[in-house]
Amino acid sequence: MSAKPWYEIDQVDKIDSPALVVYPANIQQNIDKMLSIAGDAEKLFPHVKTHKMEAVVKMQLQKGIKRFKCATIAEAEMAAQAGASEILLAYPAIGPKVERFKQLCNQFKSTQFSTLIDSQVGAEQLSTAFSAENQTACVWIDVDVGMHRTGVSIENLQTFFDFASKLSNLSILGFHAYDGHIYDSDKATRFKHAAEAFEPVKAVRDQLEISTNTKLPIIAGGTSTFPYYIQHEGVLASPGTSLLWDEGYRKKFPDLQFEFGALLLARVVSKPQANTICIDLGYKAVASENPLPRVTFLNLPDAEVLFQSEEHMVLKTDEKLEIGAVLYVLPIHICPSCALYDEAVVIENNQVTDKWAIAGRRRSIKI
């Protein structure tokens, strides 16, 4: 008798759909592979934005990974509750977020929080807020290495560093350089472009380390380029999608062979025409920023996505599926798909064993 597919769930009729399901054994393999590539947990600064789950942070903590990046205050609070010792809010703290960031620092005294600065306005707001209580805000200077989203240009980096270093109650920890625009499938080409983005930042950093007699590490890259950055001294790499993996990265980066740590569960709810089925996987159940198909199906590989609406996805298939048939779905982009669910159903050895809260999906937890 052949073994069941790794993703198949016993008593799946107990899980309402659409649902997010996670496979801890595969997530553990992904953590181990990240560590194998890095060679040392101290060189990793993984992002939590993909999973947003305290349970996944704890899995990494058990392997010696102590630093984490996040994109929101809620993600930072979630990681602190899990026990992270160092957390970077990798987003400019502007306006009311400054006060919330200060609350984080005050509530979780055993965690070192930091955030990004890339403007005089942002740096001055942090300095003023923390000066009011004679506290120090830890910051990383965000550098624009080609994505043109946030960050100080290379040309202005020295000047901005000099400005920020004179502000009271700010402590500059180093530099942050995210290269999300580097998306080459070929590993050699991807690494070449990463080097072109990184070398100017490194050159300025090296000069500043000499002139200030201070170590200034660089947090660099994401999942697709962290194997390049991990080779450099004084660099901390921050993969994120590698923890859960998705179909988009699998197709785009064949050299990075991580395991699928999360899937979506859907059901056939209607059969409107011959060779056409409707499933319960609308915009509200899977990230919809990519063009169709947005998903592939592990147990229905021939399916063609015809269209999608808020609660529905219509497929063309030659398979004769009954109403209620379960589909195991790989999203093209797992990160914003996770953000659509309050909890993940945990699957171990084809069995439901637990549920994990996705606390980081919220705009706020307590702070």
Protein backbone atom coordinates (compact mmCIF):
# COMPACT_ATOMS: atom_id res chain seq x y z
CA MET A 1 0.00 0.00 0.00
CA SER A 2 1.51 3.35 -1.06
CA ALA A 3 2.13 6.05 1.54
CA LYS A 4 -0.12 9.07 1.64
CA PRO A 5 1.12 12.29 0.06
CA TRP A 6 2.94 14.39 2.67
CA TYR A 7 0.33 17.14 2.48
CA GLU A 8 -2.81 15.00 2.74
CA ILE A 9 -4.82 15.44 5.94
CA ASP A 10 -6.70 12.70 7.75
CA GLN A 11 -10.16 13.72 8.94
CA VAL A 12 -9.96 16.77 6.70
CA ASP A 13 -13.72 17.05 7.04
CA LYS A 14 -13.07 18.55 10.50
CA ILE A 15 -11.38 21.62 8.93
CA ASP A 16 -13.58 24.35 7.54
CA SER A 17 -12.32 26.00 4.39
CA PRO A 18 -10.70 28.10 3.16
CA ALA A 19 -7.94 27.48 5.68
CA LEU A 20 -4.23 27.97 6.13
CA VAL A 21 -2.45 24.77 7.14
CA VAL A 22 1.16 24.50 8.32
CA TYR A 23 3.59 21.58 8.45
CA PRO A 24 6.10 21.99 11.33
CA ALA A 25 8.39 19.23 10.06
CA ASN A 26 8.91 21.11 6.79
CA ILE A 27 9.34 24.43 8.58
CA GLN A 28 11.99 22.80 10.76
CA GLN A 29 13.80 21.57 7.64
CA ASN A 30 13.75 25.10 6.27
CA ILE A 31 15.21 26.52 9.48
CA ASP A 32 17.93 23.87 9.42
CA LYS A 33 18.73 24.69 5.78
CA MET A 34 18.95 28.42 6.57
CA LEU A 35 21.40 27.59 9.35
CA SER A 36 23.38 25.27 7.09
CA ILE A 37 23.76 28.03 4.50
CA ALA A 38 24.62 30.64 7.13
CA GLY A 39 26.99 28.41 9.06
CA ASP A 40 26.19 30.31 12.26
CA ALA A 41 22.91 31.43 13.80
CA GLU A 42 24.58 34.72 14.76
CA LYS A 43 24.73 35.70 11.07
CA LEU A 44 20.95 35.42 10.59
CA PHE A 45 18.39 38.18 11.12
CA PRO A 46 15.28 36.50 9.62
CA HIS A 47 12.08 38.38 8.83
CA VAL A 48 8.81 37.39 10.53
CA LYS A 49 6.53 39.05 7.96
CA THR A 50 6.06 35.77 6.08
CA HIS A 51 4.57 33.69 8.90
CA LYS A 52 3.65 36.26 11.61
CA MET A 53 3.46 33.41 14.15
CA GLU A 54 4.94 33.19 17.63
CA ALA A 55 5.28 29.41 17.25
CA VAL A 56 7.60 29.82 14.25
CA VAL A 57 9.72 32.39 16.09
CA LYS A 58 10.07 29.93 18.98
CA MET A 59 11.19 27.19 16.58
CA GLN A 60 14.00 29.47 15.44
CA LEU A 61 14.90 30.49 18.99
CA GLN A 62 15.34 26.82 19.85
CA LYS A 63 17.96 26.65 17.10
CA GLY A 64 19.90 29.63 18.42
CA ILE A 65 18.47 32.35 16.15
CA LYS A 66 17.84 35.36 18.39
CA ARG A 67 17.47 38.36 16.05
CA PHE A 68 14.36 39.07 14.00
CA LYS A 69 13.13 41.67 11.53
CA CYS A 70 9.50 42.73 11.32
CA ALA A 71 7.41 45.17 9.31
CA THR A 72 4.81 46.27 11.85
CA ILE A 73 4.49 47.08 15.55
CA ALA A 74 2.20 44.04 15.98
CA GLU A 75 4.80 41.73 14.41
CA ALA A 76 7.42 43.20 16.74
CA GLU A 77 5.20 42.68 19.77
CA MET A 78 4.50 39.10 18.69
CA ALA A 79 8.23 38.35 18.33
CA ALA A 80 8.96 39.92 21.73
CA GLN A 81 6.26 37.80 23.36
CA ALA A 82 7.97 34.75 21.85
CA GLY A 83 11.24 35.70 23.55
CA ALA A 84 13.31 37.31 20.80
CA SER A 85 16.32 39.15 22.22
CA GLU A 86 16.72 41.62 19.34
CA ILE A 87 14.01 42.97 17.03
CA LEU A 88 14.28 45.42 14.16
CA LEU A 89 11.17 47.28 13.04
CA ALA A 90 12.31 47.41 9.42
CA TYR A 91 10.05 50.32 8.60
CA PRO A 92 10.39 54.07 9.19
CA ALA A 93 8.75 55.01 12.50
CA ILE A 94 6.80 58.16 11.61
CA GLY A 95 4.04 60.02 13.45
CA PRO A 96 2.07 57.96 16.03
CA LYS A 97 4.25 54.93 15.30
CA VAL A 98 7.10 56.67 17.16
CA GLU A 99 5.13 56.60 20.40
CA ARG A 100 4.09 52.98 19.83
CA PHE A 101 7.71 52.06 19.17
CA LYS A 102 8.71 53.71 22.45
CA GLN A 103 5.99 51.74 24.25
CA LEU A 104 7.47 48.53 22.85
CA CYS A 105 10.87 49.46 24.22
CA ASN A 106 9.40 50.24 27.64
CA GLN A 107 7.20 47.14 27.89
CA PHE A 108 9.75 44.51 26.83
CA LYS A 109 12.88 45.49 28.74
CA SER A 110 14.76 42.28 27.95
CA THR A 111 14.45 42.83 24.18
CA GLN A 112 16.57 45.32 22.26
CA PHE A 113 14.33 47.09 19.76
CA SER A 114 15.54 49.15 16.86
CA THR A 115 13.98 50.82 13.85
CA LEU A 116 14.98 52.40 10.54
CA ILE A 117 15.76 56.01 9.73
CA ASP A 118 16.17 57.47 6.25
CA SER A 119 15.02 61.07 6.64
CA GLN A 120 15.80 64.05 8.83
CA VAL A 121 12.12 64.23 9.82
CA GLY A 122 12.05 60.60 10.99
CA ALA A 123 15.36 60.84 12.83
CA GLU A 124 14.37 64.06 14.58
CA GLN A 125 10.97 62.68 15.63
CA LEU A 126 12.64 59.68 17.26
CA SER A 127 15.28 61.83 18.92
CA THR A 128 12.69 64.21 20.35
CA ALA A 129 10.38 61.44 21.58
CA PHE A 130 13.14 59.52 23.34
CA SER A 131 14.81 62.67 24.70
CA ALA A 132 11.61 63.48 26.59
CA GLU A 133 12.30 60.59 28.98
CA ASN A 134 16.09 60.60 28.62
CA GLN A 135 16.01 57.31 26.71
CA THR A 136 17.96 56.14 23.67
CA ALA A 137 16.42 54.89 20.44
CA CYS A 138 18.47 52.30 18.57
CA VAL A 139 18.37 52.83 14.81
CA TRP A 140 19.73 51.44 11.56
CA ILE A 141 20.21 53.74 8.61
CA ASP A 142 18.19 52.42 5.69
CA VAL A 143 20.07 52.56 2.38
CA ASP A 144 18.44 52.61 -1.06
CA VAL A 145 20.38 50.04 -3.08
CA GLY A 146 18.13 50.14 -6.13
CA MET A 147 14.58 49.37 -5.06
CA HIS A 148 13.71 53.08 -4.70
CA ARG A 149 11.15 52.38 -2.00
CA THR A 150 12.80 53.70 1.15
CA GLY A 151 16.34 54.49 2.10
CA VAL A 152 19.11 57.08 1.82
CA SER A 153 20.94 57.20 -1.50
CA ILE A 154 24.57 56.09 -1.56
CA GLU A 155 25.57 59.63 -2.56
CA ASN A 156 23.96 61.08 0.59
CA LEU A 157 24.82 58.28 3.00
CA GLN A 158 27.92 59.86 4.57
CA THR A 159 26.13 63.20 5.01
CA PHE A 160 23.07 61.57 6.56
CA PHE A 161 25.20 59.49 8.90
CA ASP A 162 26.97 62.65 10.09
CA PHE A 163 23.61 64.36 10.65
CA ALA A 164 22.03 61.45 12.53
CA SER A 165 25.09 60.80 14.67
CA LYS A 166 24.82 64.34 16.10
CA LEU A 167 21.24 63.89 17.29
CA SER A 168 20.86 63.28 20.97
CA ASN A 169 19.30 60.06 22.21
CA LEU A 170 19.88 58.10 18.99
CA SER A 171 22.26 55.15 18.80
CA ILE A 172 23.21 54.13 15.24
CA LEU A 173 23.72 50.36 15.15
CA GLY A 174 24.61 50.02 11.46
CA PHE A 175 23.04 49.98 8.02
CA HIS A 176 20.07 48.21 6.44
CA ALA A 177 20.08 47.42 2.72
CA TYR A 178 17.17 45.50 1.24
CA ASP A 179 17.49 44.45 -2.41
CA GLY A 180 13.97 43.32 -3.28
CA HIS A 181 14.48 44.48 -6.87
CA ILE A 182 17.04 41.71 -7.49
CA TYR A 183 14.95 38.84 -8.79
CA ASP A 184 17.10 36.95 -11.29
CA SER A 185 16.39 33.23 -11.61
CA ASP A 186 19.98 32.44 -12.49
CA LYS A 187 22.04 32.27 -9.30
CA ALA A 188 25.24 33.69 -10.80
CA THR A 189 23.39 36.66 -12.29
CA ARG A 190 21.51 37.24 -9.04
CA PHE A 191 24.74 37.22 -7.04
CA LYS A 192 26.39 39.59 -9.54
CA HIS A 193 23.60 42.11 -9.15
CA ALA A 194 23.67 41.69 -5.36
CA ALA A 195 27.39 42.48 -5.39
CA GLU A 196 26.81 45.60 -7.48
CA ALA A 197 24.21 46.80 -4.97
CA PHE A 198 26.24 45.86 -1.91
CA GLU A 199 29.76 47.05 -2.70
CA PRO A 200 29.00 50.82 -2.58
CA VAL A 201 27.32 50.40 0.82
CA LYS A 202 30.24 48.35 2.09
CA ALA A 203 32.71 50.99 0.89
CA VAL A 204 30.97 53.78 2.83
CA ARG A 205 30.55 51.52 5.85
CA ASP A 206 34.25 50.59 5.85
CA GLN A 207 35.27 54.25 5.75
CA LEU A 208 32.93 55.10 8.62
CA GLU A 209 34.17 52.21 10.75
CA ILE A 210 37.68 53.62 10.42
CA SER A 211 36.72 57.24 11.08
CA THR A 212 34.43 56.44 14.04
CA ASN A 213 36.36 53.43 15.37
CA THR A 214 33.00 51.67 15.67
CA LYS A 215 31.73 48.42 14.18
CA LEU A 216 28.78 49.11 11.88
CA PRO A 217 27.22 45.86 10.62
CA ILE A 218 24.97 45.75 7.56
CA ILE A 219 21.65 43.90 7.51
CA ALA A 220 21.26 42.86 3.89
CA GLY A 221 19.08 41.03 1.43
CA GLY A 222 16.14 38.68 1.63
CA THR A 223 15.54 35.03 0.84
CA SER A 224 16.76 35.14 -2.76
CA THR A 225 20.12 36.77 -1.99
CA PHE A 226 20.96 35.84 1.61
CA PRO A 227 23.31 33.03 0.48
CA TYR A 228 25.43 35.76 -1.16
CA TYR A 229 25.51 38.13 1.80
CA ILE A 230 26.23 35.42 4.31
CA GLN A 231 29.73 35.12 2.82
CA HIS A 232 30.73 38.61 4.03
CA GLU A 233 32.10 39.60 7.42
CA GLY A 234 30.08 42.18 9.29
CA VAL A 235 26.90 41.34 7.41
CA LEU A 236 23.67 39.93 8.84
CA ALA A 237 21.36 38.22 6.35
CA SER A 238 17.57 38.34 6.61
CA PRO A 239 15.68 35.62 4.74
CA GLY A 240 11.94 35.42 5.34
CA THR A 241 9.95 33.54 2.69
CA SER A 242 12.32 30.58 3.09
CA LEU A 243 10.60 29.67 6.35
CA LEU A 244 7.33 28.71 4.64
CA TRP A 245 8.28 28.86 0.94
CA ASP A 246 5.77 29.33 -1.86
CA GLU A 247 5.14 28.44 -5.48
CA GLY A 248 6.37 31.79 -6.76
CA TYR A 249 9.80 31.39 -5.18
CA ARG A 250 10.01 27.72 -6.14
CA LYS A 251 9.57 28.60 -9.81
CA LYS A 252 11.73 31.72 -9.70
CA PHE A 253 14.68 30.39 -7.72
CA PRO A 254 15.35 26.73 -8.58
CA ASP A 255 18.68 26.79 -6.72
CA LEU A 256 16.91 27.46 -3.40
CA GLN A 257 15.24 24.18 -2.63
CA PHE A 258 13.27 24.85 0.51
CA GLU A 259 10.19 22.86 1.53
CA PHE A 260 6.58 23.98 1.48
CA GLY A 261 5.79 24.75 5.11
CA ALA A 262 2.28 26.07 4.50
CA LEU A 263 -0.59 25.43 2.11
CA LEU A 264 -4.14 26.62 1.64
CA LEU A 265 -7.07 24.25 1.91
CA ALA A 266 -10.09 24.76 -0.37
CA ARG A 267 -13.22 22.85 -1.38
CA VAL A 268 -15.39 22.48 -4.43
CA VAL A 269 -18.63 24.30 -3.62
CA SER A 270 -20.35 24.31 -7.02
CA LYS A 271 -20.22 22.79 -10.51
CA PRO A 272 -21.80 25.47 -12.70
CA GLN A 273 -20.97 23.94 -16.10
CA ALA A 274 -19.37 20.87 -17.64
CA ASN A 275 -15.66 20.74 -16.83
CA THR A 276 -16.02 23.79 -14.58
CA ILE A 277 -15.92 23.92 -10.80
CA CYS A 278 -16.10 26.71 -8.26
CA ILE A 279 -13.99 26.59 -5.09
CA ASP A 280 -14.07 28.70 -1.92
CA LEU A 281 -10.78 30.52 -2.55
CA GLY A 282 -11.54 34.13 -3.36
CA TYR A 283 -9.55 37.34 -2.96
CA LYS A 284 -10.15 37.18 0.79
CA ALA A 285 -8.43 33.80 1.06
CA VAL A 286 -5.28 34.14 -1.05
CA ALA A 287 -2.98 37.02 -1.94
CA SER A 288 -4.35 38.67 -5.05
CA GLU A 289 -1.60 41.13 -6.00
CA ASN A 290 -0.24 38.77 -8.66
CA PRO A 291 -2.00 38.15 -11.97
CA LEU A 292 -3.96 34.93 -12.39
CA PRO A 293 -3.50 32.04 -11.71
CA ARG A 294 -2.10 33.14 -8.25
CA VAL A 295 -2.13 29.48 -7.14
CA THR A 296 -1.33 25.94 -8.24
CA PHE A 297 -2.94 22.75 -6.96
CA LEU A 298 -0.99 19.81 -5.57
CA ASN A 299 -3.81 17.34 -6.22
CA LEU A 300 -5.27 18.97 -9.35
CA PRO A 301 -2.26 19.98 -11.49
CA ASP A 302 -4.25 20.35 -14.73
CA ALA A 303 -6.64 22.96 -13.32
CA GLU A 304 -6.91 26.26 -15.18
CA VAL A 305 -8.06 29.29 -13.19
CA LEU A 306 -10.72 31.10 -15.20
CA PHE A 307 -11.55 33.94 -12.82
CA GLN A 308 -11.75 34.91 -9.17
CA SER A 309 -13.97 37.10 -6.99
CA GLU A 310 -14.18 37.91 -3.30
CA GLU A 311 -15.26 34.46 -2.12
CA HIS A 312 -15.00 32.33 -5.25
CA MET A 313 -12.46 30.93 -7.70
CA VAL A 314 -13.66 29.23 -10.88
CA LEU A 315 -11.56 26.50 -12.45
CA LYS A 316 -11.63 24.53 -15.66
CA THR A 317 -10.64 20.87 -15.26
CA ASP A 318 -11.24 17.52 -16.91
CA GLU A 319 -11.20 15.80 -13.52
CA LYS A 320 -14.62 14.71 -12.30
CA LEU A 321 -14.66 16.16 -8.81
CA GLU A 322 -17.63 15.94 -6.51
CA ILE A 323 -19.09 18.78 -4.49
CA GLY A 324 -17.06 18.97 -1.27
CA ALA A 325 -13.84 17.61 -2.81
CA VAL A 326 -10.77 19.03 -1.05
CA LEU A 327 -7.97 20.82 -2.89
CA TYR A 328 -4.47 21.41 -1.49
CA VAL A 329 -3.32 24.77 -2.82
CA LEU A 330 0.10 26.39 -3.23
CA PRO A 331 -0.14 30.20 -3.28
CA ILE A 332 2.22 32.10 -5.55
CA HIS A 333 2.89 34.48 -2.64
CA ILE A 334 2.59 33.06 0.86
CA CYS A 335 3.40 36.20 2.91
CA PRO A 336 0.23 38.24 2.27
CA SER A 337 -1.77 35.01 2.13
CA CYS A 338 -0.88 34.29 5.77
CA ALA A 339 -2.09 37.79 6.67
CA LEU A 340 -5.62 36.80 5.64
CA TYR A 341 -6.04 34.19 8.42
CA ASP A 342 -6.40 34.44 12.19
CA GLU A 343 -4.90 31.01 12.78
CA ALA A 344 -3.11 28.17 11.06
CA VAL A 345 -4.10 24.52 11.40
CA VAL A 346 -1.07 22.43 12.36
CA ILE A 347 -0.50 19.14 10.49
CA GLU A 348 1.94 16.47 11.70
CA ASN A 349 2.09 13.00 10.15
CA ASN A 350 -1.12 13.75 8.23
CA GLN A 351 -2.94 14.54 11.47
CA VAL A 352 -4.34 17.78 12.88
CA THR A 353 -2.42 18.38 16.13
CA ASP A 354 -2.85 22.03 17.01
CA LYS A 355 -3.73 25.55 15.89
CA TRP A 356 -1.25 28.43 15.82
CA ALA A 357 -2.39 32.02 16.19
CA ILE A 358 -1.23 34.42 13.48
CA ALA A 359 -1.04 37.31 15.91
CA GLY A 360 1.24 39.39 13.69
CA ARG A 361 -1.48 39.83 11.06
CA ARG A 362 -3.26 42.31 13.33
CA ARG A 363 -2.68 46.05 13.16
CA SER A 364 -2.17 46.00 16.90
CA ILE A 365 -2.06 43.41 19.68
CA LYS A 366 -1.88 45.44 22.89
CA ILE A 367 0.37 48.31 21.91
